[in-house]
Amino acid sequence: MDENPFDTFGLDPTLDAASLTAALRERVEDAATPEEEARLREGWRLLTADPRRRLRLALRATGVPPKRSAPAEQAPTTTPPTLMDVLPVGDLRDALELPKAPRQRPLQTDPILTGEGPNA
């Protein structure tokens, strides 16, 4: 077989050996003539016998792989609420007597960025 089996049989070049075997097995079962069956078996042998050859053939394939259907959407998993979800943060901070977070200074007044820092 001189042509690329991926192109000849319209196979997705991203398939692994097991998937290629399954796809070509179906086609062999549906083959109309012994010649077609022999051609499919030869293509299968070329694609599955040597992983390096399969990679070379996949890289040289000119066909575009068929689009795979997106996996079915799964229901979002819910996680149990944490303590921080249940208690308001302000009440917890007050109960633990934690200091309030210092206010962030804007970048325009940052001494390092304005050149007024310790290394200026």
PDB file of N, CA and C in Angstrom:
ATOM      1  N   MET A   1       0.861  -1.170   0.000  1.00  0.00           N
ATOM      2  CA  MET A   1       0.000   0.000   0.000  1.00  0.00           C
ATOM      3  C   MET A   1       0.904   1.228   0.000  1.00  0.00           C
ATOM      4  N   ASP A   2       0.809   2.007  -1.076  1.00  0.00           N
ATOM      5  CA  ASP A   2       1.662   3.184  -1.208  1.00  0.00           C
ATOM      6  C   ASP A   2       1.047   4.439  -0.596  1.00  0.00           C
ATOM      7  N   GLU A   3      -0.279   4.509  -0.535  1.00  0.00           N
ATOM      8  CA  GLU A   3      -0.914   5.715  -0.002  1.00  0.00           C
ATOM      9  C   GLU A   3      -1.036   5.616   1.525  1.00  0.00           C
ATOM     10  N   ASN A   4      -1.296   6.749   2.127  1.00  0.00           N
ATOM     11  CA  ASN A   4      -1.410   6.842   3.583  1.00  0.00           C
ATOM     12  C   ASN A   4      -2.749   6.230   4.017  1.00  0.00           C
ATOM     13  N   PRO A   5      -2.739   5.206   4.867  1.00  0.00           N
ATOM     14  CA  PRO A   5      -3.994   4.583   5.293  1.00  0.00           C
ATOM     15  C   PRO A   5      -4.945   5.548   6.005  1.00  0.00           C
ATOM     16  N   PHE A   6      -4.406   6.542   6.697  1.00  0.00           N
ATOM     17  CA  PHE A   6      -5.287   7.524   7.343  1.00  0.00           C
ATOM     18  C   PHE A   6      -6.120   8.249   6.290  1.00  0.00           C
ATOM     19  N   ASP A   7      -5.476   8.638   5.194  1.00  0.00           N
ATOM     20  CA  ASP A   7      -6.182   9.343   4.130  1.00  0.00           C
ATOM     21  C   ASP A   7      -7.052   8.386   3.319  1.00  0.00           C
ATOM     22  N   THR A   8      -6.528   7.216   3.030  1.00  0.00           N
ATOM     23  CA  THR A   8      -7.252   6.251   2.212  1.00  0.00           C
ATOM     24  C   THR A   8      -8.577   5.853   2.848  1.00  0.00           C
ATOM     25  N   PHE A   9      -8.554   5.605   4.150  1.00  0.00           N
ATOM     26  CA  PHE A   9      -9.749   5.117   4.823  1.00  0.00           C
ATOM     27  C   PHE A   9     -10.480   6.209   5.608  1.00  0.00           C
ATOM     28  N   GLY A  10     -10.002   7.447   5.529  1.00  0.00           N
ATOM     29  CA  GLY A  10     -10.657   8.554   6.225  1.00  0.00           C
ATOM     30  C   GLY A  10     -10.612   8.410   7.735  1.00  0.00           C
ATOM     31  N   LEU A  11      -9.469   7.972   8.246  1.00  0.00           N
ATOM     32  CA  LEU A  11      -9.327   7.754   9.688  1.00  0.00           C
ATOM     33  C   LEU A  11      -8.745   8.978  10.375  1.00  0.00           C
ATOM     34  N   ASP A  12      -9.128   9.156  11.601  1.00  0.00           N
ATOM     35  CA  ASP A  12      -8.623  10.246  12.436  1.00  0.00           C
ATOM     36  C   ASP A  12      -7.180   9.930  12.833  1.00  0.00           C
ATOM     37  N   PRO A  13      -6.206  10.776  12.463  1.00  0.00           N
ATOM     38  CA  PRO A  13      -4.804  10.496  12.801  1.00  0.00           C
ATOM     39  C   PRO A  13      -4.487  10.566  14.283  1.00  0.00           C
ATOM     40  N   THR A  14      -5.405  11.045  15.098  1.00  0.00           N
ATOM     41  CA  THR A  14      -5.146  11.123  16.541  1.00  0.00           C
ATOM     42  C   THR A  14      -5.574   9.862  17.281  1.00  0.00           C
ATOM     43  N   LEU A  15      -6.144   8.889  16.573  1.00  0.00           N
ATOM     44  CA  LEU A  15      -6.591   7.660  17.224  1.00  0.00           C
ATOM     45  C   LEU A  15      -5.406   6.793  17.643  1.00  0.00           C
ATOM     46  N   ASP A  16      -5.584   6.055  18.721  1.00  0.00           N
ATOM     47  CA  ASP A  16      -4.557   5.112  19.159  1.00  0.00           C
ATOM     48  C   ASP A  16      -4.771   3.775  18.458  1.00  0.00           C
ATOM     49  N   ALA A  17      -3.864   2.830  18.698  1.00  0.00           N
ATOM     50  CA  ALA A  17      -3.909   1.546  18.005  1.00  0.00           C
ATOM     51  C   ALA A  17      -5.211   0.789  18.277  1.00  0.00           C
ATOM     52  N   ALA A  18      -5.692   0.812  19.513  1.00  0.00           N
ATOM     53  CA  ALA A  18      -6.927   0.091  19.843  1.00  0.00           C
ATOM     54  C   ALA A  18      -8.126   0.695  19.114  1.00  0.00           C
ATOM     55  N   SER A  19      -8.193   2.008  19.039  1.00  0.00           N
ATOM     56  CA  SER A  19      -9.303   2.667  18.344  1.00  0.00           C
ATOM     57  C   SER A  19      -9.231   2.426  16.841  1.00  0.00           C
ATOM     58  N   LEU A  20      -8.013   2.444  16.294  1.00  0.00           N
ATOM     59  CA  LEU A  20      -7.853   2.141  14.870  1.00  0.00           C
ATOM     60  C   LEU A  20      -8.280   0.711  14.574  1.00  0.00           C
ATOM     61  N   THR A  21      -7.917  -0.214  15.457  1.00  0.00           N
ATOM     62  CA  THR A  21      -8.304  -1.614  15.285  1.00  0.00           C
ATOM     63  C   THR A  21      -9.818  -1.747  15.278  1.00  0.00           C
ATOM     64  N   ALA A  22     -10.490  -1.085  16.204  1.00  0.00           N
ATOM     65  CA  ALA A  22     -11.949  -1.163  16.266  1.00  0.00           C
ATOM     66  C   ALA A  22     -12.589  -0.580  15.008  1.00  0.00           C
ATOM     67  N   ALA A  23     -12.079   0.564  14.558  1.00  0.00           N
ATOM     68  CA  ALA A  23     -12.649   1.207  13.365  1.00  0.00           C
ATOM     69  C   ALA A  23     -12.448   0.344  12.124  1.00  0.00           C
ATOM     70  N   LEU A  24     -11.262  -0.212  11.972  1.00  0.00           N
ATOM     71  CA  LEU A  24     -10.991  -1.024  10.784  1.00  0.00           C
ATOM     72  C   LEU A  24     -11.667  -2.392  10.867  1.00  0.00           C
ATOM     73  N   ARG A  25     -11.853  -2.922  12.067  1.00  0.00           N
ATOM     74  CA  ARG A  25     -12.563  -4.192  12.213  1.00  0.00           C
ATOM     75  C   ARG A  25     -13.995  -4.064  11.688  1.00  0.00           C
ATOM     76  N   GLU A  26     -14.644  -2.958  12.025  1.00  0.00           N
ATOM     77  CA  GLU A  26     -16.004  -2.730  11.527  1.00  0.00           C
ATOM     78  C   GLU A  26     -16.028  -2.688  10.007  1.00  0.00           C
ATOM     79  N   ARG A  27     -15.042  -2.041   9.419  1.00  0.00           N
ATOM     80  CA  ARG A  27     -14.990  -1.930   7.965  1.00  0.00           C
ATOM     81  C   ARG A  27     -14.694  -3.271   7.305  1.00  0.00           C
ATOM     82  N   VAL A  28     -13.850  -4.089   7.945  1.00  0.00           N
ATOM     83  CA  VAL A  28     -13.552  -5.422   7.398  1.00  0.00           C
ATOM     84  C   VAL A  28     -14.816  -6.263   7.408  1.00  0.00           C
ATOM     85  N   GLU A  29     -15.600  -6.170   8.483  1.00  0.00           N
ATOM     86  CA  GLU A  29     -16.843  -6.935   8.562  1.00  0.00           C
ATOM     87  C   GLU A  29     -17.833  -6.523   7.484  1.00  0.00           C
ATOM     88  N   ASP A  30     -17.777  -5.234   7.087  1.00  0.00           N
ATOM     89  CA  ASP A  30     -18.703  -4.724   6.072  1.00  0.00           C
ATOM     90  C   ASP A  30     -18.114  -4.755   4.661  1.00  0.00           C
ATOM     91  N   ALA A  31     -16.901  -5.292   4.506  1.00  0.00           N
ATOM     92  CA  ALA A  31     -16.238  -5.286   3.196  1.00  0.00           C
ATOM     93  C   ALA A  31     -17.064  -6.089   2.194  1.00  0.00           C
ATOM     94  N   ALA A  32     -17.194  -5.527   0.986  1.00  0.00           N
ATOM     95  CA  ALA A  32     -18.001  -6.165  -0.057  1.00  0.00           C
ATOM     96  C   ALA A  32     -17.229  -7.239  -0.813  1.00  0.00           C
ATOM     97  N   THR A  33     -15.915  -7.070  -0.927  1.00  0.00           N
ATOM     98  CA  THR A  33     -15.108  -8.021  -1.709  1.00  0.00           C
ATOM     99  C   THR A  33     -13.903  -8.475  -0.899  1.00  0.00           C
ATOM    100  N   PRO A  34     -13.342  -9.614  -1.249  1.00  0.00           N
ATOM    101  CA  PRO A  34     -12.129 -10.066  -0.567  1.00  0.00           C
ATOM    102  C   PRO A  34     -10.958  -9.104  -0.782  1.00  0.00           C
ATOM    103  N   GLU A  35     -10.913  -8.437  -1.941  1.00  0.00           N
ATOM    104  CA  GLU A  35      -9.839  -7.475  -2.208  1.00  0.00           C
ATOM    105  C   GLU A  35      -9.937  -6.284  -1.252  1.00  0.00           C
ATOM    106  N   GLU A  36     -11.153  -5.810  -1.045  1.00  0.00           N
ATOM    107  CA  GLU A  36     -11.353  -4.685  -0.116  1.00  0.00           C
ATOM    108  C   GLU A  36     -10.966  -5.098   1.304  1.00  0.00           C
ATOM    109  N   GLU A  37     -11.331  -6.316   1.681  1.00  0.00           N
ATOM    110  CA  GLU A  37     -10.979  -6.814   3.005  1.00  0.00           C
ATOM    111  C   GLU A  37      -9.460  -6.912   3.164  1.00  0.00           C
ATOM    112  N   ALA A  38      -8.768  -7.413   2.142  1.00  0.00           N
ATOM    113  CA  ALA A  38      -7.302  -7.527   2.189  1.00  0.00           C
ATOM    114  C   ALA A  38      -6.659  -6.150   2.278  1.00  0.00           C
ATOM    115  N   ARG A  39      -7.211  -5.190   1.560  1.00  0.00           N
ATOM    116  CA  ARG A  39      -6.681  -3.817   1.606  1.00  0.00           C
ATOM    117  C   ARG A  39      -6.849  -3.208   3.004  1.00  0.00           C
ATOM    118  N   LEU A  40      -7.999  -3.441   3.619  1.00  0.00           N
ATOM    119  CA  LEU A  40      -8.235  -2.941   4.981  1.00  0.00           C
ATOM    120  C   LEU A  40      -7.287  -3.606   5.977  1.00  0.00           C
ATOM    121  N   ARG A  41      -7.077  -4.899   5.822  1.00  0.00           N
ATOM    122  CA  ARG A  41      -6.159  -5.607   6.728  1.00  0.00           C
ATOM    123  C   ARG A  41      -4.725  -5.094   6.570  1.00  0.00           C
ATOM    124  N   GLU A  42      -4.329  -4.813   5.334  1.00  0.00           N
ATOM    125  CA  GLU A  42      -2.986  -4.263   5.098  1.00  0.00           C
ATOM    126  C   GLU A  42      -2.859  -2.880   5.734  1.00  0.00           C
ATOM    127  N   GLY A  43      -3.884  -2.055   5.599  1.00  0.00           N
ATOM    128  CA  GLY A  43      -3.882  -0.742   6.255  1.00  0.00           C
ATOM    129  C   GLY A  43      -3.807  -0.866   7.763  1.00  0.00           C
ATOM    130  N   TRP A  44      -4.553  -1.834   8.314  1.00  0.00           N
ATOM    131  CA  TRP A  44      -4.510  -2.071   9.767  1.00  0.00           C
ATOM    132  C   TRP A  44      -3.105  -2.472  10.194  1.00  0.00           C
ATOM    133  N   ARG A  45      -2.474  -3.379   9.427  1.00  0.00           N
ATOM    134  CA  ARG A  45      -1.125  -3.837   9.765  1.00  0.00           C
ATOM    135  C   ARG A  45      -0.146  -2.665   9.752  1.00  0.00           C
ATOM    136  N   LEU A  46      -0.263  -1.799   8.743  1.00  0.00           N
ATOM    137  CA  LEU A  46       0.638  -0.640   8.650  1.00  0.00           C
ATOM    138  C   LEU A  46       0.458   0.313   9.828  1.00  0.00           C
ATOM    139  N   LEU A  47      -0.778   0.465  10.274  1.00  0.00           N
ATOM    140  CA  LEU A  47      -1.059   1.446  11.334  1.00  0.00           C
ATOM    141  C   LEU A  47      -0.824   0.921  12.744  1.00  0.00           C
ATOM    142  N   THR A  48      -0.868  -0.378  12.931  1.00  0.00           N
ATOM    143  CA  THR A  48      -0.795  -0.880  14.306  1.00  0.00           C
ATOM    144  C   THR A  48       0.473  -1.657  14.630  1.00  0.00           C
ATOM    145  N   ALA A  49       1.208  -2.115  13.640  1.00  0.00           N
ATOM    146  CA  ALA A  49       2.375  -2.955  13.905  1.00  0.00           C
ATOM    147  C   ALA A  49       3.537  -2.171  14.515  1.00  0.00           C
ATOM    148  N   ASP A  50       3.732  -0.937  14.077  1.00  0.00           N
ATOM    149  CA  ASP A  50       4.894  -0.159  14.523  1.00  0.00           C
ATOM    150  C   ASP A  50       4.430   1.245  14.932  1.00  0.00           C
ATOM    151  N   PRO A  51       4.525   1.601  16.220  1.00  0.00           N
ATOM    152  CA  PRO A  51       4.069   2.927  16.673  1.00  0.00           C
ATOM    153  C   PRO A  51       4.788   4.081  15.970  1.00  0.00           C
ATOM    154  N   ARG A  52       6.073   3.903  15.665  1.00  0.00           N
ATOM    155  CA  ARG A  52       6.805   4.983  14.976  1.00  0.00           C
ATOM    156  C   ARG A  52       6.264   5.202  13.573  1.00  0.00           C
ATOM    157  N   ARG A  53       5.951   4.111  12.881  1.00  0.00           N
ATOM    158  CA  ARG A  53       5.380   4.239  11.534  1.00  0.00           C
ATOM    159  C   ARG A  53       4.007   4.914  11.620  1.00  0.00           C
ATOM    160  N   ARG A  54       3.188   4.517  12.620  1.00  0.00           N
ATOM    161  CA  ARG A  54       1.875   5.141  12.777  1.00  0.00           C
ATOM    162  C   ARG A  54       2.022   6.644  13.006  1.00  0.00           C
ATOM    163  N   LEU A  55       2.996   7.048  13.817  1.00  0.00           N
ATOM    164  CA  LEU A  55       3.218   8.470  14.062  1.00  0.00           C
ATOM    165  C   LEU A  55       3.626   9.189  12.780  1.00  0.00           C
ATOM    166  N   ARG A  56       4.553   8.596  12.023  1.00  0.00           N
ATOM    167  CA  ARG A  56       4.967   9.221  10.758  1.00  0.00           C
ATOM    168  C   ARG A  56       3.786   9.365   9.807  1.00  0.00           C
ATOM    169  N   LEU A  57       2.981   8.324   9.695  1.00  0.00           N
ATOM    170  CA  LEU A  57       1.816   8.378   8.817  1.00  0.00           C
ATOM    171  C   LEU A  57       0.795   9.405   9.316  1.00  0.00           C
ATOM    172  N   ALA A  58       0.624   9.477  10.627  1.00  0.00           N
ATOM    173  CA  ALA A  58      -0.323  10.452  11.182  1.00  0.00           C
ATOM    174  C   ALA A  58       0.142  11.875  10.902  1.00  0.00           C
ATOM    175  N   LEU A  59       1.444  12.112  11.020  1.00  0.00           N
ATOM    176  CA  LEU A  59       1.970  13.457  10.768  1.00  0.00           C
ATOM    177  C   LEU A  59       1.884  13.827   9.298  1.00  0.00           C
ATOM    178  N   ARG A  60       1.918  12.824   8.422  1.00  0.00           N
ATOM    179  CA  ARG A  60       1.841  13.092   6.978  1.00  0.00           C
ATOM    180  C   ARG A  60       0.416  13.049   6.438  1.00  0.00           C
ATOM    181  N   ALA A  61      -0.541  12.701   7.265  1.00  0.00           N
ATOM    182  CA  ALA A  61      -1.934  12.620   6.817  1.00  0.00           C
ATOM    183  C   ALA A  61      -2.412  14.001   6.395  1.00  0.00           C
ATOM    184  N   THR A  62      -3.113  14.045   5.282  1.00  0.00           N
ATOM    185  CA  THR A  62      -3.599  15.324   4.777  1.00  0.00           C
ATOM    186  C   THR A  62      -5.032  15.591   5.177  1.00  0.00           C
ATOM    187  N   GLY A  63      -5.737  14.558   5.588  1.00  0.00           N
ATOM    188  CA  GLY A  63      -7.125  14.738   5.987  1.00  0.00           C
ATOM    189  C   GLY A  63      -7.235  15.424   7.329  1.00  0.00           C
ATOM    190  N   VAL A  64      -8.342  16.095   7.520  1.00  0.00           N
ATOM    191  CA  VAL A  64      -8.607  16.750   8.795  1.00  0.00           C
ATOM    192  C   VAL A  64      -9.342  15.749   9.666  1.00  0.00           C
ATOM    193  N   PRO A  65      -8.904  15.551  10.902  1.00  0.00           N
ATOM    194  CA  PRO A  65      -9.605  14.594  11.751  1.00  0.00           C
ATOM    195  C   PRO A  65     -11.039  15.042  11.992  1.00  0.00           C
ATOM    196  N   PRO A  66     -11.962  14.099  12.059  1.00  0.00           N
ATOM    197  CA  PRO A  66     -13.353  14.487  12.305  1.00  0.00           C
ATOM    198  C   PRO A  66     -13.492  15.104  13.688  1.00  0.00           C
ATOM    199  N   LYS A  67     -14.432  16.019  13.795  1.00  0.00           N
ATOM    200  CA  LYS A  67     -14.655  16.657  15.095  1.00  0.00           C
ATOM    201  C   LYS A  67     -15.282  15.636  16.032  1.00  0.00           C
ATOM    202  N   ARG A  68     -14.746  15.591  17.210  1.00  0.00           N
ATOM    203  CA  ARG A  68     -15.298  14.696  18.212  1.00  0.00           C
ATOM    204  C   ARG A  68     -16.419  15.406  18.928  1.00  0.00           C
ATOM    205  N   SER A  69     -17.420  14.653  19.268  1.00  0.00           N
ATOM    206  CA  SER A  69     -18.524  15.276  19.982  1.00  0.00           C
ATOM    207  C   SER A  69     -18.064  15.624  21.391  1.00  0.00           C
ATOM    208  N   ALA A  70     -18.592  16.716  21.879  1.00  0.00           N
ATOM    209  CA  ALA A  70     -18.234  17.163  23.228  1.00  0.00           C
ATOM    210  C   ALA A  70     -18.824  16.183  24.237  1.00  0.00           C
ATOM    211  N   PRO A  71     -18.127  15.965  25.328  1.00  0.00           N
ATOM    212  CA  PRO A  71     -18.683  15.067  26.341  1.00  0.00           C
ATOM    213  C   PRO A  71     -19.963  15.652  26.914  1.00  0.00           C
ATOM    214  N   ALA A  72     -20.834  14.772  27.315  1.00  0.00           N
ATOM    215  CA  ALA A  72     -22.102  15.221  27.892  1.00  0.00           C
ATOM    216  C   ALA A  72     -21.821  16.081  29.116  1.00  0.00           C
ATOM    217  N   GLU A  73     -22.610  17.121  29.249  1.00  0.00           N
ATOM    218  CA  GLU A  73     -22.403  18.012  30.391  1.00  0.00           C
ATOM    219  C   GLU A  73     -22.739  17.274  31.676  1.00  0.00           C
ATOM    220  N   GLN A  74     -21.859  17.407  32.618  1.00  0.00           N
ATOM    221  CA  GLN A  74     -22.078  16.774  33.902  1.00  0.00           C
ATOM    222  C   GLN A  74     -22.663  17.795  34.860  1.00  0.00           C
ATOM    223  N   ALA A  75     -23.489  17.292  35.728  1.00  0.00           N
ATOM    224  CA  ALA A  75     -24.069  18.179  36.732  1.00  0.00           C
ATOM    225  C   ALA A  75     -22.943  18.677  37.643  1.00  0.00           C
ATOM    226  N   PRO A  76     -22.953  19.955  37.968  1.00  0.00           N
ATOM    227  CA  PRO A  76     -21.888  20.456  38.842  1.00  0.00           C
ATOM    228  C   PRO A  76     -21.956  19.767  40.195  1.00  0.00           C
ATOM    229  N   THR A  77     -20.786  19.417  40.664  1.00  0.00           N
ATOM    230  CA  THR A  77     -20.744  18.779  41.975  1.00  0.00           C
ATOM    231  C   THR A  77     -20.818  19.859  43.041  1.00  0.00           C
ATOM    232  N   THR A  78     -21.588  19.590  44.044  1.00  0.00           N
ATOM    233  CA  THR A  78     -21.712  20.564  45.130  1.00  0.00           C
ATOM    234  C   THR A  78     -20.853  20.102  46.287  1.00  0.00           C
ATOM    235  N   THR A  79     -20.156  21.035  46.852  1.00  0.00           N
ATOM    236  CA  THR A  79     -19.334  20.726  48.016  1.00  0.00           C
ATOM    237  C   THR A  79     -20.039  21.269  49.243  1.00  0.00           C
ATOM    238  N   PRO A  80     -19.859  20.617  50.355  1.00  0.00           N
ATOM    239  CA  PRO A  80     -20.504  21.128  51.567  1.00  0.00           C
ATOM    240  C   PRO A  80     -19.928  22.495  51.928  1.00  0.00           C
ATOM    241  N   PRO A  81     -20.741  23.360  52.494  1.00  0.00           N
ATOM    242  CA  PRO A  81     -20.249  24.697  52.836  1.00  0.00           C
ATOM    243  C   PRO A  81     -19.181  24.634  53.919  1.00  0.00           C
ATOM    244  N   THR A  82     -18.232  25.532  53.814  1.00  0.00           N
ATOM    245  CA  THR A  82     -17.187  25.620  54.831  1.00  0.00           C
ATOM    246  C   THR A  82     -17.635  26.582  55.914  1.00  0.00           C
ATOM    247  N   LEU A  83     -16.846  26.682  56.962  1.00  0.00           N
ATOM    248  CA  LEU A  83     -17.156  27.601  58.047  1.00  0.00           C
ATOM    249  C   LEU A  83     -17.202  29.035  57.542  1.00  0.00           C
ATOM    250  N   MET A  84     -16.290  29.372  56.629  1.00  0.00           N
ATOM    251  CA  MET A  84     -16.261  30.739  56.096  1.00  0.00           C
ATOM    252  C   MET A  84     -17.497  31.035  55.251  1.00  0.00           C
ATOM    253  N   ASP A  85     -18.123  29.997  54.685  1.00  0.00           N
ATOM    254  CA  ASP A  85     -19.352  30.204  53.925  1.00  0.00           C
ATOM    255  C   ASP A  85     -20.540  30.465  54.851  1.00  0.00           C
ATOM    256  N   VAL A  86     -20.498  29.860  56.014  1.00  0.00           N
ATOM    257  CA  VAL A  86     -21.623  29.954  56.934  1.00  0.00           C
ATOM    258  C   VAL A  86     -21.561  31.214  57.788  1.00  0.00           C
ATOM    259  N   LEU A  87     -20.367  31.525  58.317  1.00  0.00           N
ATOM    260  CA  LEU A  87     -20.226  32.689  59.182  1.00  0.00           C
ATOM    261  C   LEU A  87     -19.840  33.925  58.380  1.00  0.00           C
ATOM    262  N   PRO A  88     -20.458  35.043  58.674  1.00  0.00           N
ATOM    263  CA  PRO A  88     -20.005  36.274  58.018  1.00  0.00           C
ATOM    264  C   PRO A  88     -18.577  36.593  58.461  1.00  0.00           C
ATOM    265  N   VAL A  89     -17.746  36.986  57.539  1.00  0.00           N
ATOM    266  CA  VAL A  89     -16.332  37.227  57.829  1.00  0.00           C
ATOM    267  C   VAL A  89     -16.157  38.334  58.859  1.00  0.00           C
ATOM    268  N   GLY A  90     -16.928  39.397  58.764  1.00  0.00           N
ATOM    269  CA  GLY A  90     -16.801  40.502  59.714  1.00  0.00           C
ATOM    270  C   GLY A  90     -17.079  40.064  61.134  1.00  0.00           C
ATOM    271  N   ASP A  91     -18.102  39.249  61.319  1.00  0.00           N
ATOM    272  CA  ASP A  91     -18.430  38.762  62.658  1.00  0.00           C
ATOM    273  C   ASP A  91     -17.322  37.871  63.193  1.00  0.00           C
ATOM    274  N   LEU A  92     -16.734  37.046  62.362  1.00  0.00           N
ATOM    275  CA  LEU A  92     -15.661  36.166  62.782  1.00  0.00           C
ATOM    276  C   LEU A  92     -14.426  36.972  63.175  1.00  0.00           C
ATOM    277  N   ARG A  93     -14.115  38.004  62.374  1.00  0.00           N
ATOM    278  CA  ARG A  93     -12.951  38.845  62.685  1.00  0.00           C
ATOM    279  C   ARG A  93     -13.158  39.538  64.032  1.00  0.00           C
ATOM    280  N   ASP A  94     -14.362  40.036  64.258  1.00  0.00           N
ATOM    281  CA  ASP A  94     -14.644  40.700  65.530  1.00  0.00           C
ATOM    282  C   ASP A  94     -14.603  39.703  66.688  1.00  0.00           C
ATOM    283  N   ALA A  95     -15.138  38.506  66.470  1.00  0.00           N
ATOM    284  CA  ALA A  95     -15.167  37.507  67.541  1.00  0.00           C
ATOM    285  C   ALA A  95     -13.766  37.065  67.919  1.00  0.00           C
ATOM    286  N   LEU A  96     -12.869  36.976  66.937  1.00  0.00           N
ATOM    287  CA  LEU A  96     -11.494  36.565  67.216  1.00  0.00           C
ATOM    288  C   LEU A  96     -10.597  37.751  67.556  1.00  0.00           C
ATOM    289  N   GLU A  97     -11.155  38.959  67.530  1.00  0.00           N
ATOM    290  CA  GLU A  97     -10.439  40.193  67.811  1.00  0.00           C
ATOM    291  C   GLU A  97      -9.211  40.339  66.912  1.00  0.00           C
ATOM    292  N   LEU A  98      -9.405  40.049  65.638  1.00  0.00           N
ATOM    293  CA  LEU A  98      -8.333  40.194  64.659  1.00  0.00           C
ATOM    294  C   LEU A  98      -8.255  41.644  64.202  1.00  0.00           C
ATOM    295  N   PRO A  99      -7.049  42.130  63.945  1.00  0.00           N
ATOM    296  CA  PRO A  99      -6.954  43.506  63.448  1.00  0.00           C
ATOM    297  C   PRO A  99      -7.496  43.588  62.026  1.00  0.00           C
ATOM    298  N   LYS A 100      -7.984  44.726  61.686  1.00  0.00           N
ATOM    299  CA  LYS A 100      -8.476  44.924  60.332  1.00  0.00           C
ATOM    300  C   LYS A 100      -7.275  44.950  59.388  1.00  0.00           C
ATOM    301  N   ALA A 101      -7.490  44.456  58.181  1.00  0.00           N
ATOM    302  CA  ALA A 101      -6.421  44.418  57.192  1.00  0.00           C
ATOM    303  C   ALA A 101      -6.016  45.846  56.844  1.00  0.00           C
ATOM    304  N   PRO A 102      -4.706  46.113  56.740  1.00  0.00           N
ATOM    305  CA  PRO A 102      -4.289  47.465  56.388  1.00  0.00           C
ATOM    306  C   PRO A 102      -4.771  47.821  54.985  1.00  0.00           C
ATOM    307  N   ARG A 103      -5.067  49.070  54.806  1.00  0.00           N
ATOM    308  CA  ARG A 103      -5.548  49.535  53.504  1.00  0.00           C
ATOM    309  C   ARG A 103      -4.392  49.511  52.509  1.00  0.00           C
ATOM    310  N   GLN A 104      -4.665  48.995  51.344  1.00  0.00           N
ATOM    311  CA  GLN A 104      -3.663  48.920  50.290  1.00  0.00           C
ATOM    312  C   GLN A 104      -3.400  50.313  49.723  1.00  0.00           C
ATOM    313  N   ARG A 105      -2.108  50.619  49.480  1.00  0.00           N
ATOM    314  CA  ARG A 105      -1.782  51.901  48.864  1.00  0.00           C
ATOM    315  C   ARG A 105      -1.855  51.762  47.353  1.00  0.00           C
ATOM    316  N   PRO A 106      -2.348  52.749  46.667  1.00  0.00           N
ATOM    317  CA  PRO A 106      -2.386  52.688  45.210  1.00  0.00           C
ATOM    318  C   PRO A 106      -0.969  52.632  44.646  1.00  0.00           C
ATOM    319  N   LEU A 107      -0.819  52.066  43.475  1.00  0.00           N
ATOM    320  CA  LEU A 107       0.495  51.940  42.845  1.00  0.00           C
ATOM    321  C   LEU A 107       1.136  53.293  42.562  1.00  0.00           C
ATOM    322  N   GLN A 108       0.339  54.319  42.331  1.00  0.00           N
ATOM    323  CA  GLN A 108       0.904  55.626  42.011  1.00  0.00           C
ATOM    324  C   GLN A 108       1.692  56.209  43.183  1.00  0.00           C
ATOM    325  N   THR A 109       1.378  55.787  44.405  1.00  0.00           N
ATOM    326  CA  THR A 109       2.086  56.325  45.567  1.00  0.00           C
ATOM    327  C   THR A 109       3.081  55.330  46.151  1.00  0.00           C
ATOM    328  N   ASP A 110       3.296  54.219  45.499  1.00  0.00           N
ATOM    329  CA  ASP A 110       4.246  53.211  45.982  1.00  0.00           C
ATOM    330  C   ASP A 110       5.654  53.814  45.920  1.00  0.00           C
ATOM    331  N   PRO A 111       6.401  53.856  47.045  1.00  0.00           N
ATOM    332  CA  PRO A 111       7.709  54.505  47.049  1.00  0.00           C
ATOM    333  C   PRO A 111       8.726  53.816  46.134  1.00  0.00           C
ATOM    334  N   ILE A 112       8.625  52.520  45.959  1.00  0.00           N
ATOM    335  CA  ILE A 112       9.580  51.827  45.089  1.00  0.00           C
ATOM    336  C   ILE A 112       9.306  52.173  43.630  1.00  0.00           C
ATOM    337  N   LEU A 113       8.041  52.205  43.262  1.00  0.00           N
ATOM    338  CA  LEU A 113       7.692  52.515  41.871  1.00  0.00           C
ATOM    339  C   LEU A 113       7.908  54.001  41.527  1.00  0.00           C
ATOM    340  N   THR A 114       7.795  54.856  42.507  1.00  0.00           N
ATOM    341  CA  THR A 114       7.979  56.282  42.236  1.00  0.00           C
ATOM    342  C   THR A 114       9.444  56.698  42.364  1.00  0.00           C
ATOM    343  N   GLY A 115      10.316  55.768  42.805  1.00  0.00           N
ATOM    344  CA  GLY A 115      11.737  56.088  42.910  1.00  0.00           C
ATOM    345  C   GLY A 115      12.107  56.705  44.249  1.00  0.00           C
ATOM    346  N   GLU A 116      11.230  56.684  45.215  1.00  0.00           N
ATOM    347  CA  GLU A 116      11.502  57.255  46.520  1.00  0.00           C
ATOM    348  C   GLU A 116      11.794  56.176  47.561  1.00  0.00           C
ATOM    349  N   GLY A 117      12.036  54.949  47.109  1.00  0.00           N
ATOM    350  CA  GLY A 117      12.242  53.832  48.029  1.00  0.00           C
ATOM    351  C   GLY A 117      13.620  53.866  48.658  1.00  0.00           C
ATOM    352  N   PRO A 118      13.980  52.825  49.394  1.00  0.00           N
ATOM    353  CA  PRO A 118      15.244  52.762  50.121  1.00  0.00           C
ATOM    354  C   PRO A 118      16.461  52.766  49.203  1.00  0.00           C
ATOM    355  N   ASN A 119      16.343  52.340  47.988  1.00  0.00           N
ATOM    356  CA  ASN A 119      17.479  52.290  47.065  1.00  0.00           C
ATOM    357  C   ASN A 119      17.520  53.491  46.134  1.00  0.00           C
ATOM    358  N   ALA A 120      16.722  54.509  46.392  1.00  0.00           N
ATOM    359  CA  ALA A 120      16.670  55.667  45.483  1.00  0.00           C
ATOM    360  C   ALA A 120      17.844  56.577  45.664  1.00  0.00           C
TER     361      ALA A 120
END
